[in-house]
């Protein structure tokens, strides 16, 4: 059986968004979300939504870049845009966020499942039905992938594939279900060992919540977890990766889900330190400046002191 995770609680919607600025051809475009056919994706860095950047040449509009802050915790918010359940397979640094193993983003892997219109935050590597280890920005040599001997060409990449649910088929009066495999919780990283070659050149060029079930056509049968609803190169050769952060309670339940064989969305996020973004022709913008630029109206509040 495969594991899927789904959130039990509705996360508060955040209305603030960054204005899309008029740009010349090839210039960076700023937004705060990446919208697919089934999901809308945003990223929180230290509890605030971070700007996402794109370029006119970026992979069909389904890739976004954002700034990694060394030592900062981050989470990926998923919003189901549909009136039906969907499954989401997500990898960070090439590893499935549920079992901590190399991911091919296949429908047979462990996934999160979202109910209709549900929002959920994926905050870390899942270690049990009740806990995650938070995503935190560290240098590649200290990343979870490196510390588990799984460093690969997808370091610095977050991939989100979404799958629609397939209902059982009836043939000649007989109900037919399809079966598949799953994974195990993310293992604790071993003692840190010397960093291996992470093929940085390849990387630079290439490339819960309580929730649901998954399906495929023929859909592998999987078991899901449902979450209880409640940059670039700097001074030398430093690149960001995602580390094994602090423990956080994040309750989920196992569910069964049949996912379609092919994904409806193949969304990509890439993170870099500020200098790395600049090397890609992206100038990071401080969020507070654009909050002020929006000039939102409000009401008077009592002073804090």
C-alpha atoms as a PDB file:
ATOM      1  CA  UNK A   1       0.000   0.000   0.000  1.00  0.00           C
ATOM      2  CA  UNK A   2       1.174   3.508  -0.689  1.00  0.00           C
ATOM      3  CA  UNK A   3       1.032   6.401   1.631  1.00  0.00           C
ATOM      4  CA  UNK A   4      -0.678   9.666   0.917  1.00  0.00           C
ATOM      5  CA  UNK A   5      -0.927  12.582   3.256  1.00  0.00           C
ATOM      6  CA  UNK A   6      -3.773  14.918   3.612  1.00  0.00           C
ATOM      7  CA  UNK A   7      -4.404  17.885   5.935  1.00  0.00           C
ATOM      8  CA  UNK A   8      -7.377  18.015   8.324  1.00  0.00           C
ATOM      9  CA  UNK A   9      -7.377  21.717   8.830  1.00  0.00           C
ATOM     10  CA  UNK A  10      -8.017  24.641   6.584  1.00  0.00           C
ATOM     11  CA  UNK A  11      -5.121  27.048   6.501  1.00  0.00           C
ATOM     12  CA  UNK A  12      -5.968  30.720   6.632  1.00  0.00           C
ATOM     13  CA  UNK A  13      -5.886  32.275   3.213  1.00  0.00           C
ATOM     14  CA  UNK A  14      -3.469  35.128   2.807  1.00  0.00           C
ATOM     15  CA  UNK A  15      -4.815  37.760   0.502  1.00  0.00           C
ATOM     16  CA  UNK A  16      -1.620  39.738   0.043  1.00  0.00           C
ATOM     17  CA  UNK A  17       0.021  39.264  -3.316  1.00  0.00           C
ATOM     18  CA  UNK A  18       2.745  40.962  -5.221  1.00  0.00           C
ATOM     19  CA  UNK A  19       1.884  43.127  -8.158  1.00  0.00           C
ATOM     20  CA  UNK A  20       3.034  41.878 -11.540  1.00  0.00           C
ATOM     21  CA  UNK A  21       5.240  44.592 -12.874  1.00  0.00           C
ATOM     22  CA  UNK A  22       5.421  45.665 -16.507  1.00  0.00           C
ATOM     23  CA  UNK A  23       8.655  44.251 -17.869  1.00  0.00           C
ATOM     24  CA  UNK A  24      10.625  44.405 -21.057  1.00  0.00           C
ATOM     25  CA  UNK A  25      11.145  41.233 -23.076  1.00  0.00           C
ATOM     26  CA  UNK A  26      13.272  38.701 -21.236  1.00  0.00           C
ATOM     27  CA  UNK A  27      13.098  40.574 -17.928  1.00  0.00           C
ATOM     28  CA  UNK A  28      12.231  38.996 -14.585  1.00  0.00           C
ATOM     29  CA  UNK A  29       8.555  38.819 -13.655  1.00  0.00           C
ATOM     30  CA  UNK A  30       7.579  38.802  -9.991  1.00  0.00           C
ATOM     31  CA  UNK A  31       4.614  36.995  -8.482  1.00  0.00           C
ATOM     32  CA  UNK A  32       3.897  35.113  -5.277  1.00  0.00           C
ATOM     33  CA  UNK A  33       2.398  31.879  -6.608  1.00  0.00           C
ATOM     34  CA  UNK A  34       2.699  29.225  -9.312  1.00  0.00           C
ATOM     35  CA  UNK A  35      -0.663  28.139 -10.676  1.00  0.00           C
ATOM     36  CA  UNK A  36      -1.189  24.766 -12.302  1.00  0.00           C
ATOM     37  CA  UNK A  37      -4.256  23.014 -13.673  1.00  0.00           C
ATOM     38  CA  UNK A  38      -5.154  21.439 -10.319  1.00  0.00           C
ATOM     39  CA  UNK A  39      -3.149  23.307  -7.673  1.00  0.00           C
ATOM     40  CA  UNK A  40      -1.811  26.702  -6.788  1.00  0.00           C
ATOM     41  CA  UNK A  41       1.616  26.678  -5.104  1.00  0.00           C
ATOM     42  CA  UNK A  42       3.175  29.270  -2.811  1.00  0.00           C
ATOM     43  CA  UNK A  43       6.268  29.209  -0.597  1.00  0.00           C
ATOM     44  CA  UNK A  44       6.606  30.537   2.941  1.00  0.00           C
ATOM     45  CA  UNK A  45      10.093  31.439   4.146  1.00  0.00           C
ATOM     46  CA  UNK A  46      10.156  32.146   7.870  1.00  0.00           C
ATOM     47  CA  UNK A  47       6.340  32.420   7.939  1.00  0.00           C
ATOM     48  CA  UNK A  48       6.032  34.908   5.084  1.00  0.00           C
ATOM     49  CA  UNK A  49       5.156  34.229   1.481  1.00  0.00           C
ATOM     50  CA  UNK A  50       8.249  34.803  -0.598  1.00  0.00           C
ATOM     51  CA  UNK A  51       8.381  36.379  -4.075  1.00  0.00           C
ATOM     52  CA  UNK A  52       8.629  33.912  -6.947  1.00  0.00           C
ATOM     53  CA  UNK A  53      10.492  34.913 -10.085  1.00  0.00           C
ATOM     54  CA  UNK A  54      10.299  33.750 -13.660  1.00  0.00           C
ATOM     55  CA  UNK A  55      11.974  34.537 -16.949  1.00  0.00           C
ATOM     56  CA  UNK A  56      10.412  34.732 -20.383  1.00  0.00           C
ATOM     57  CA  UNK A  57      12.456  31.666 -21.382  1.00  0.00           C
ATOM     58  CA  UNK A  58      11.586  29.577 -18.321  1.00  0.00           C
ATOM     59  CA  UNK A  59      10.234  26.147 -19.194  1.00  0.00           C
ATOM     60  CA  UNK A  60       6.766  26.899 -20.485  1.00  0.00           C
ATOM     61  CA  UNK A  61       5.873  29.153 -17.563  1.00  0.00           C
ATOM     62  CA  UNK A  62       5.794  26.234 -15.088  1.00  0.00           C
ATOM     63  CA  UNK A  63       9.074  27.051 -13.345  1.00  0.00           C
ATOM     64  CA  UNK A  64       9.665  29.652 -10.642  1.00  0.00           C
ATOM     65  CA  UNK A  65      12.765  30.789  -8.750  1.00  0.00           C
ATOM     66  CA  UNK A  66      12.974  32.052  -5.197  1.00  0.00           C
ATOM     67  CA  UNK A  67      15.615  33.181  -2.738  1.00  0.00           C
ATOM     68  CA  UNK A  68      17.004  30.795  -0.137  1.00  0.00           C
ATOM     69  CA  UNK A  69      17.927  32.388   3.188  1.00  0.00           C
ATOM     70  CA  UNK A  70      20.647  30.437   4.973  1.00  0.00           C
ATOM     71  CA  UNK A  71      19.246  28.917   8.154  1.00  0.00           C
ATOM     72  CA  UNK A  72      15.681  29.923   7.284  1.00  0.00           C
ATOM     73  CA  UNK A  73      12.797  27.485   7.607  1.00  0.00           C
ATOM     74  CA  UNK A  74      10.405  27.162   4.714  1.00  0.00           C
ATOM     75  CA  UNK A  75       7.155  25.424   3.760  1.00  0.00           C
ATOM     76  CA  UNK A  76       5.295  24.830   0.505  1.00  0.00           C
ATOM     77  CA  UNK A  77       1.587  25.687   0.472  1.00  0.00           C
ATOM     78  CA  UNK A  78      -0.665  23.680  -1.831  1.00  0.00           C
ATOM     79  CA  UNK A  79      -4.172  24.828  -2.703  1.00  0.00           C
ATOM     80  CA  UNK A  80      -6.499  22.401  -4.481  1.00  0.00           C
ATOM     81  CA  UNK A  81      -8.288  24.478  -7.117  1.00  0.00           C
ATOM     82  CA  UNK A  82     -10.848  21.803  -7.948  1.00  0.00           C
ATOM     83  CA  UNK A  83     -14.093  20.413  -6.540  1.00  0.00           C
ATOM     84  CA  UNK A  84     -12.608  16.905  -6.243  1.00  0.00           C
ATOM     85  CA  UNK A  85      -9.790  15.164  -4.429  1.00  0.00           C
ATOM     86  CA  UNK A  86      -6.332  15.227  -5.972  1.00  0.00           C
ATOM     87  CA  UNK A  87      -3.017  13.539  -5.205  1.00  0.00           C
ATOM     88  CA  UNK A  88       0.299  15.413  -5.024  1.00  0.00           C
ATOM     89  CA  UNK A  89       3.718  13.804  -5.332  1.00  0.00           C
ATOM     90  CA  UNK A  90       6.379  16.255  -4.171  1.00  0.00           C
ATOM     91  CA  UNK A  91      10.155  16.028  -4.188  1.00  0.00           C
ATOM     92  CA  UNK A  92      12.773  18.293  -2.612  1.00  0.00           C
ATOM     93  CA  UNK A  93      16.399  17.970  -3.738  1.00  0.00           C
ATOM     94  CA  UNK A  94      15.308  14.917  -5.731  1.00  0.00           C
ATOM     95  CA  UNK A  95      13.848  13.087  -2.691  1.00  0.00           C
ATOM     96  CA  UNK A  96      10.202  12.259  -2.003  1.00  0.00           C
ATOM     97  CA  UNK A  97       9.140  14.333   1.004  1.00  0.00           C
ATOM     98  CA  UNK A  98       7.251  11.385   2.530  1.00  0.00           C
ATOM     99  CA  UNK A  99       9.842   8.613   2.510  1.00  0.00           C
ATOM    100  CA  UNK A 100      13.088  10.522   1.942  1.00  0.00           C
ATOM    101  CA  UNK A 101      14.022   8.346  -1.049  1.00  0.00           C
ATOM    102  CA  UNK A 102      14.970   9.221  -4.635  1.00  0.00           C
ATOM    103  CA  UNK A 103      11.828  10.195  -6.477  1.00  0.00           C
ATOM    104  CA  UNK A 104      10.739   9.752 -10.059  1.00  0.00           C
ATOM    105  CA  UNK A 105       7.472  11.605  -9.263  1.00  0.00           C
ATOM    106  CA  UNK A 106       5.506   8.526 -10.301  1.00  0.00           C
ATOM    107  CA  UNK A 107       1.869   7.880  -9.347  1.00  0.00           C
ATOM    108  CA  UNK A 108       2.983   4.768  -7.440  1.00  0.00           C
ATOM    109  CA  UNK A 109       4.931   6.866  -4.907  1.00  0.00           C
ATOM    110  CA  UNK A 110       3.696   8.125  -1.545  1.00  0.00           C
ATOM    111  CA  UNK A 111       1.733  11.327  -1.974  1.00  0.00           C
ATOM    112  CA  UNK A 112      -0.348  13.936  -0.198  1.00  0.00           C
ATOM    113  CA  UNK A 113      -4.049  14.051  -1.011  1.00  0.00           C
ATOM    114  CA  UNK A 114      -6.104  17.218  -0.809  1.00  0.00           C
ATOM    115  CA  UNK A 115      -9.861  17.433  -0.459  1.00  0.00           C
ATOM    116  CA  UNK A 116     -11.835  19.778  -2.736  1.00  0.00           C
ATOM    117  CA  UNK A 117     -10.530  23.353  -2.468  1.00  0.00           C
ATOM    118  CA  UNK A 118      -8.342  22.411   0.488  1.00  0.00           C
ATOM    119  CA  UNK A 119      -5.168  24.259   1.446  1.00  0.00           C
ATOM    120  CA  UNK A 120      -2.270  22.462   3.130  1.00  0.00           C
ATOM    121  CA  UNK A 121       1.304  23.310   4.037  1.00  0.00           C
ATOM    122  CA  UNK A 122       4.079  20.791   3.477  1.00  0.00           C
ATOM    123  CA  UNK A 123       6.536  21.796   6.185  1.00  0.00           C
ATOM    124  CA  UNK A 124       9.174  19.085   6.236  1.00  0.00           C
ATOM    125  CA  UNK A 125      10.405  15.527   5.809  1.00  0.00           C
ATOM    126  CA  UNK A 126       7.796  13.149   7.229  1.00  0.00           C
ATOM    127  CA  UNK A 127       9.142  10.858   9.950  1.00  0.00           C
ATOM    128  CA  UNK A 128       5.850   9.353  11.203  1.00  0.00           C
ATOM    129  CA  UNK A 129       2.106   9.848  11.092  1.00  0.00           C
ATOM    130  CA  UNK A 130       2.529  12.526  13.742  1.00  0.00           C
ATOM    131  CA  UNK A 131       5.776  14.379  13.004  1.00  0.00           C
ATOM    132  CA  UNK A 132       7.909  16.040  10.372  1.00  0.00           C
ATOM    133  CA  UNK A 133      11.428  17.458  10.401  1.00  0.00           C
ATOM    134  CA  UNK A 134      11.162  20.986   9.118  1.00  0.00           C
ATOM    135  CA  UNK A 135      12.608  22.115   5.807  1.00  0.00           C
ATOM    136  CA  UNK A 136      15.516  24.463   6.483  1.00  0.00           C
ATOM    137  CA  UNK A 137      17.999  26.070   4.103  1.00  0.00           C
ATOM    138  CA  UNK A 138      21.562  24.845   4.574  1.00  0.00           C
ATOM    139  CA  UNK A 139      24.595  24.519   2.341  1.00  0.00           C
ATOM    140  CA  UNK A 140      24.539  21.470   0.063  1.00  0.00           C
ATOM    141  CA  UNK A 141      27.191  19.710   2.127  1.00  0.00           C
ATOM    142  CA  UNK A 142      24.839  19.745   5.133  1.00  0.00           C
ATOM    143  CA  UNK A 143      21.652  18.894   3.245  1.00  0.00           C
ATOM    144  CA  UNK A 144      19.483  15.901   4.048  1.00  0.00           C
ATOM    145  CA  UNK A 145      20.184  14.425   0.599  1.00  0.00           C
ATOM    146  CA  UNK A 146      23.947  14.603   1.120  1.00  0.00           C
ATOM    147  CA  UNK A 147      23.802  13.305   4.691  1.00  0.00           C
ATOM    148  CA  UNK A 148      21.868  10.241   3.518  1.00  0.00           C
ATOM    149  CA  UNK A 149      24.213   9.587   0.596  1.00  0.00           C
ATOM    150  CA  UNK A 150      21.610  10.625  -1.981  1.00  0.00           C
ATOM    151  CA  UNK A 151      23.031  13.864  -3.385  1.00  0.00           C
ATOM    152  CA  UNK A 152      21.988  14.194  -7.020  1.00  0.00           C
ATOM    153  CA  UNK A 153      21.508  16.562  -9.945  1.00  0.00           C
ATOM    154  CA  UNK A 154      18.194  17.833  -8.531  1.00  0.00           C
ATOM    155  CA  UNK A 155      19.763  19.624  -5.566  1.00  0.00           C
ATOM    156  CA  UNK A 156      18.049  22.990  -5.187  1.00  0.00           C
ATOM    157  CA  UNK A 157      14.870  21.892  -6.974  1.00  0.00           C
ATOM    158  CA  UNK A 158      11.333  21.375  -5.665  1.00  0.00           C
ATOM    159  CA  UNK A 159       9.017  19.446  -7.985  1.00  0.00           C
ATOM    160  CA  UNK A 160       5.251  19.109  -7.635  1.00  0.00           C
ATOM    161  CA  UNK A 161       3.301  16.607  -9.755  1.00  0.00           C
ATOM    162  CA  UNK A 162      -0.461  16.433  -9.332  1.00  0.00           C
ATOM    163  CA  UNK A 163      -2.727  13.505 -10.180  1.00  0.00           C
ATOM    164  CA  UNK A 164      -6.454  13.247 -10.607  1.00  0.00           C
ATOM    165  CA  UNK A 165      -8.276  10.401  -8.897  1.00  0.00           C
ATOM    166  CA  UNK A 166      -9.434   7.429 -10.915  1.00  0.00           C
ATOM    167  CA  UNK A 167     -12.588   5.697  -9.844  1.00  0.00           C
ATOM    168  CA  UNK A 168     -12.828   1.891  -9.969  1.00  0.00           C
ATOM    169  CA  UNK A 169     -13.978   0.461 -13.300  1.00  0.00           C
ATOM    170  CA  UNK A 170     -16.862  -1.969 -13.683  1.00  0.00           C
ATOM    171  CA  UNK A 171     -16.451  -4.587 -16.408  1.00  0.00           C
ATOM    172  CA  UNK A 172     -19.063  -7.255 -16.991  1.00  0.00           C
ATOM    173  CA  UNK A 173     -20.560  -6.555 -13.582  1.00  0.00           C
ATOM    174  CA  UNK A 174     -17.194  -7.094 -11.851  1.00  0.00           C
ATOM    175  CA  UNK A 175     -15.520  -4.222 -10.008  1.00  0.00           C
ATOM    176  CA  UNK A 176     -11.830  -3.901 -10.796  1.00  0.00           C
ATOM    177  CA  UNK A 177      -9.257  -2.098  -8.648  1.00  0.00           C
ATOM    178  CA  UNK A 178      -5.588  -1.659  -9.449  1.00  0.00           C
ATOM    179  CA  UNK A 179      -2.759  -2.200  -7.001  1.00  0.00           C
ATOM    180  CA  UNK A 180       0.609  -0.590  -6.454  1.00  0.00           C
ATOM    181  CA  UNK A 181       3.360   0.000  -3.941  1.00  0.00           C
ATOM    182  CA  UNK A 182       4.333   2.626  -1.421  1.00  0.00           C
ATOM    183  CA  UNK A 183       7.194   3.787   0.721  1.00  0.00           C
ATOM    184  CA  UNK A 184       8.373   4.150   4.274  1.00  0.00           C
ATOM    185  CA  UNK A 185       8.830   7.205   6.515  1.00  0.00           C
ATOM    186  CA  UNK A 186      11.923   9.310   5.941  1.00  0.00           C
ATOM    187  CA  UNK A 187      14.906   7.801   7.778  1.00  0.00           C
ATOM    188  CA  UNK A 188      16.912   9.848  10.255  1.00  0.00           C
ATOM    189  CA  UNK A 189      20.105  11.098   8.605  1.00  0.00           C
ATOM    190  CA  UNK A 190      23.317   9.297   9.539  1.00  0.00           C
ATOM    191  CA  UNK A 191      26.309  11.027  11.052  1.00  0.00           C
ATOM    192  CA  UNK A 192      27.589  13.631   8.673  1.00  0.00           C
ATOM    193  CA  UNK A 193      30.211  12.391   6.249  1.00  0.00           C
ATOM    194  CA  UNK A 194      32.479  14.267   3.869  1.00  0.00           C
ATOM    195  CA  UNK A 195      30.482  15.790   1.030  1.00  0.00           C
ATOM    196  CA  UNK A 196      30.522  13.959  -2.270  1.00  0.00           C
ATOM    197  CA  UNK A 197      30.569  15.435  -5.753  1.00  0.00           C
ATOM    198  CA  UNK A 198      27.057  16.819  -6.296  1.00  0.00           C
ATOM    199  CA  UNK A 199      27.446  17.581  -9.984  1.00  0.00           C
ATOM    200  CA  UNK A 200      26.769  21.276  -9.390  1.00  0.00           C
ATOM    201  CA  UNK A 201      27.182  22.035 -13.070  1.00  0.00           C
ATOM    202  CA  UNK A 202      24.473  19.530 -13.908  1.00  0.00           C
ATOM    203  CA  UNK A 203      22.233  20.987 -11.249  1.00  0.00           C
ATOM    204  CA  UNK A 204      22.730  24.564 -12.386  1.00  0.00           C
ATOM    205  CA  UNK A 205      21.952  23.674 -15.981  1.00  0.00           C
ATOM    206  CA  UNK A 206      19.248  21.099 -15.518  1.00  0.00           C
ATOM    207  CA  UNK A 207      16.943  20.693 -14.417  1.00  0.00           C
ATOM    208  CA  UNK A 208       0.643  17.001   6.770  1.00  0.00           C
ATOM    209  CA  UNK A 209      -1.899  17.656   6.665  1.00  0.00           C
ATOM    210  CA  UNK A 210      -4.897  15.234   6.659  1.00  0.00           C
ATOM    211  CA  UNK A 211      -5.698  14.147   3.196  1.00  0.00           C
ATOM    212  CA  UNK A 212      -6.627  11.669   0.653  1.00  0.00           C
ATOM    213  CA  UNK A 213      -6.045   9.003  -1.852  1.00  0.00           C
ATOM    214  CA  UNK A 214      -4.512   8.514  -5.155  1.00  0.00           C
ATOM    215  CA  UNK A 215      -5.295   6.763  -8.417  1.00  0.00           C
ATOM    216  CA  UNK A 216      -3.861   5.842 -11.810  1.00  0.00           C
ATOM    217  CA  UNK A 217      -4.987   4.417 -15.100  1.00  0.00           C
ATOM    218  CA  UNK A 218      -4.413   1.593 -14.701  1.00  0.00           C
ATOM    219  CA  UNK A 219      -4.113   3.205 -11.333  1.00  0.00           C
ATOM    220  CA  UNK A 220      -1.713   1.817  -8.796  1.00  0.00           C
ATOM    221  CA  UNK A 221      -3.408   1.289  -5.495  1.00  0.00           C
ATOM    222  CA  UNK A 222      -1.799   3.366  -2.853  1.00  0.00           C
ATOM    223  CA  UNK A 223      -2.170   4.185   0.770  1.00  0.00           C
ATOM    224  CA  UNK A 224      -2.150   7.790   1.779  1.00  0.00           C
ATOM    225  CA  UNK A 225      -1.462   9.900   4.784  1.00  0.00           C
ATOM    226  CA  UNK A 226      -4.006  12.507   5.678  1.00  0.00           C
ATOM    227  CA  UNK A 227      -2.737  15.428   7.662  1.00  0.00           C
ATOM    228  CA  UNK A 228      -4.803  16.442  10.609  1.00  0.00           C
ATOM    229  CA  UNK A 229      -6.590  19.627   9.673  1.00  0.00           C
ATOM    230  CA  UNK A 230      -5.912  21.637  12.514  1.00  0.00           C
ATOM    231  CA  UNK A 231      21.370  31.420  -3.344  1.00  0.00           C
ATOM    232  CA  UNK A 232      23.393  30.606  -5.778  1.00  0.00           C
ATOM    233  CA  UNK A 233      27.119  30.936  -5.409  1.00  0.00           C
ATOM    234  CA  UNK A 234      28.269  33.275  -2.655  1.00  0.00           C
ATOM    235  CA  UNK A 235      31.774  34.056  -1.449  1.00  0.00           C
ATOM    236  CA  UNK A 236      33.173  30.913  -2.982  1.00  0.00           C
ATOM    237  CA  UNK A 237      31.459  27.657  -3.840  1.00  0.00           C
ATOM    238  CA  UNK A 238      28.417  27.707  -1.586  1.00  0.00           C
ATOM    239  CA  UNK A 239      25.049  26.489  -2.874  1.00  0.00           C
ATOM    240  CA  UNK A 240      21.840  25.895  -0.906  1.00  0.00           C
ATOM    241  CA  UNK A 241      20.178  22.584  -0.083  1.00  0.00           C
ATOM    242  CA  UNK A 242      17.386  21.529   2.256  1.00  0.00           C
ATOM    243  CA  UNK A 243      18.375  20.269   5.686  1.00  0.00           C
ATOM    244  CA  UNK A 244      16.867  18.113   8.437  1.00  0.00           C
ATOM    245  CA  UNK A 245      15.320  20.739  10.719  1.00  0.00           C
ATOM    246  CA  UNK A 246      13.577  20.702  14.076  1.00  0.00           C
ATOM    247  CA  UNK A 247      10.820  18.244  14.885  1.00  0.00           C
ATOM    248  CA  UNK A 248       7.283  19.553  14.486  1.00  0.00           C
ATOM    249  CA  UNK A 249       3.950  17.911  15.176  1.00  0.00           C
ATOM    250  CA  UNK A 250       2.048  17.353  11.957  1.00  0.00           C
ATOM    251  CA  UNK A 251      -0.596  14.640  12.260  1.00  0.00           C
ATOM    252  CA  UNK A 252      -1.733  12.582   9.290  1.00  0.00           C
ATOM    253  CA  UNK A 253      -3.761   9.453   8.618  1.00  0.00           C
ATOM    254  CA  UNK A 254      -3.334   6.695   6.051  1.00  0.00           C
ATOM    255  CA  UNK A 255      -5.825   6.596   3.208  1.00  0.00           C
ATOM    256  CA  UNK A 256      -6.235   4.726  -0.054  1.00  0.00           C
ATOM    257  CA  UNK A 257      -6.100   6.609  -3.326  1.00  0.00           C
ATOM    258  CA  UNK A 258      -6.084   5.554  -6.975  1.00  0.00           C
ATOM    259  CA  UNK A 259      -4.155   7.988  -9.152  1.00  0.00           C
ATOM    260  CA  UNK A 260      -4.267   8.484 -12.892  1.00  0.00           C
ATOM    261  CA  UNK A 261      -1.194   7.224 -14.717  1.00  0.00           C
ATOM    262  CA  UNK A 262      -0.135  10.664 -15.976  1.00  0.00           C
ATOM    263  CA  UNK A 263       0.191  13.900 -13.993  1.00  0.00           C
ATOM    264  CA  UNK A 264      -2.028  16.890 -14.681  1.00  0.00           C
ATOM    265  CA  UNK A 265       0.624  19.320 -13.414  1.00  0.00           C
ATOM    266  CA  UNK A 266       4.426  19.198 -13.482  1.00  0.00           C
ATOM    267  CA  UNK A 267       5.407  22.305 -11.547  1.00  0.00           C
ATOM    268  CA  UNK A 268       8.971  23.277 -10.670  1.00  0.00           C
ATOM    269  CA  UNK A 269      10.474  25.603  -8.068  1.00  0.00           C
ATOM    270  CA  UNK A 270      14.197  26.307  -7.904  1.00  0.00           C
ATOM    271  CA  UNK A 271      15.883  28.032  -4.976  1.00  0.00           C
ATOM    272  CA  UNK A 272      19.223  29.818  -4.860  1.00  0.00           C
ATOM    273  CA  UNK A 273      21.041  32.210  -2.583  1.00  0.00           C
ATOM    274  CA  UNK A 274      20.731  35.855  -3.648  1.00  0.00           C
ATOM    275  CA  UNK A 275      24.034  35.849  -5.545  1.00  0.00           C
ATOM    276  CA  UNK A 276      22.965  32.766  -7.463  1.00  0.00           C
ATOM    277  CA  UNK A 277      19.739  34.449  -8.529  1.00  0.00           C
ATOM    278  CA  UNK A 278      21.711  37.419  -9.763  1.00  0.00           C
ATOM    279  CA  UNK A 279      23.896  35.121 -11.845  1.00  0.00           C
ATOM    280  CA  UNK A 280      20.682  33.909 -13.469  1.00  0.00           C
ATOM    281  CA  UNK A 281      19.696  37.498 -14.237  1.00  0.00           C
ATOM    282  CA  UNK A 282      17.210  37.755 -11.353  1.00  0.00           C
ATOM    283  CA  UNK A 283      17.464  40.635  -8.901  1.00  0.00           C
ATOM    284  CA  UNK A 284      15.857  39.648  -5.565  1.00  0.00           C
ATOM    285  CA  UNK A 285      13.346  42.179  -4.247  1.00  0.00           C
ATOM    286  CA  UNK A 286      12.822  42.756  -0.561  1.00  0.00           C
ATOM    287  CA  UNK A 287       9.219  41.923   0.260  1.00  0.00           C
ATOM    288  CA  UNK A 288       8.689  44.844   2.629  1.00  0.00           C
ATOM    289  CA  UNK A 289       9.526  47.328  -0.127  1.00  0.00           C
ATOM    290  CA  UNK A 290       6.772  45.904  -2.329  1.00  0.00           C
ATOM    291  CA  UNK A 291       4.321  45.800   0.568  1.00  0.00           C
ATOM    292  CA  UNK A 292       4.849  49.534   0.835  1.00  0.00           C
ATOM    293  CA  UNK A 293       4.604  49.961  -2.932  1.00  0.00           C
ATOM    294  CA  UNK A 294       1.166  48.300  -2.907  1.00  0.00           C
ATOM    295  CA  UNK A 295      -0.045  51.034  -0.563  1.00  0.00           C
ATOM    296  CA  UNK A 296      -2.869  49.020   0.968  1.00  0.00           C
ATOM    297  CA  UNK A 297      -5.451  50.939   2.973  1.00  0.00           C
ATOM    298  CA  UNK A 298      -6.267  49.979   6.549  1.00  0.00           C
ATOM    299  CA  UNK A 299      -7.583  51.257   9.865  1.00  0.00           C
ATOM    300  CA  UNK A 300      -5.867  52.758  12.872  1.00  0.00           C
ATOM    301  CA  UNK A 301      -4.644  50.355  15.535  1.00  0.00           C
ATOM    302  CA  UNK A 302      -3.463  51.068  19.046  1.00  0.00           C
ATOM    303  CA  UNK A 303       0.341  51.563  19.245  1.00  0.00           C
ATOM    304  CA  UNK A 304       2.440  48.787  20.756  1.00  0.00           C
ATOM    305  CA  UNK A 305       4.375  51.176  23.002  1.00  0.00           C
END
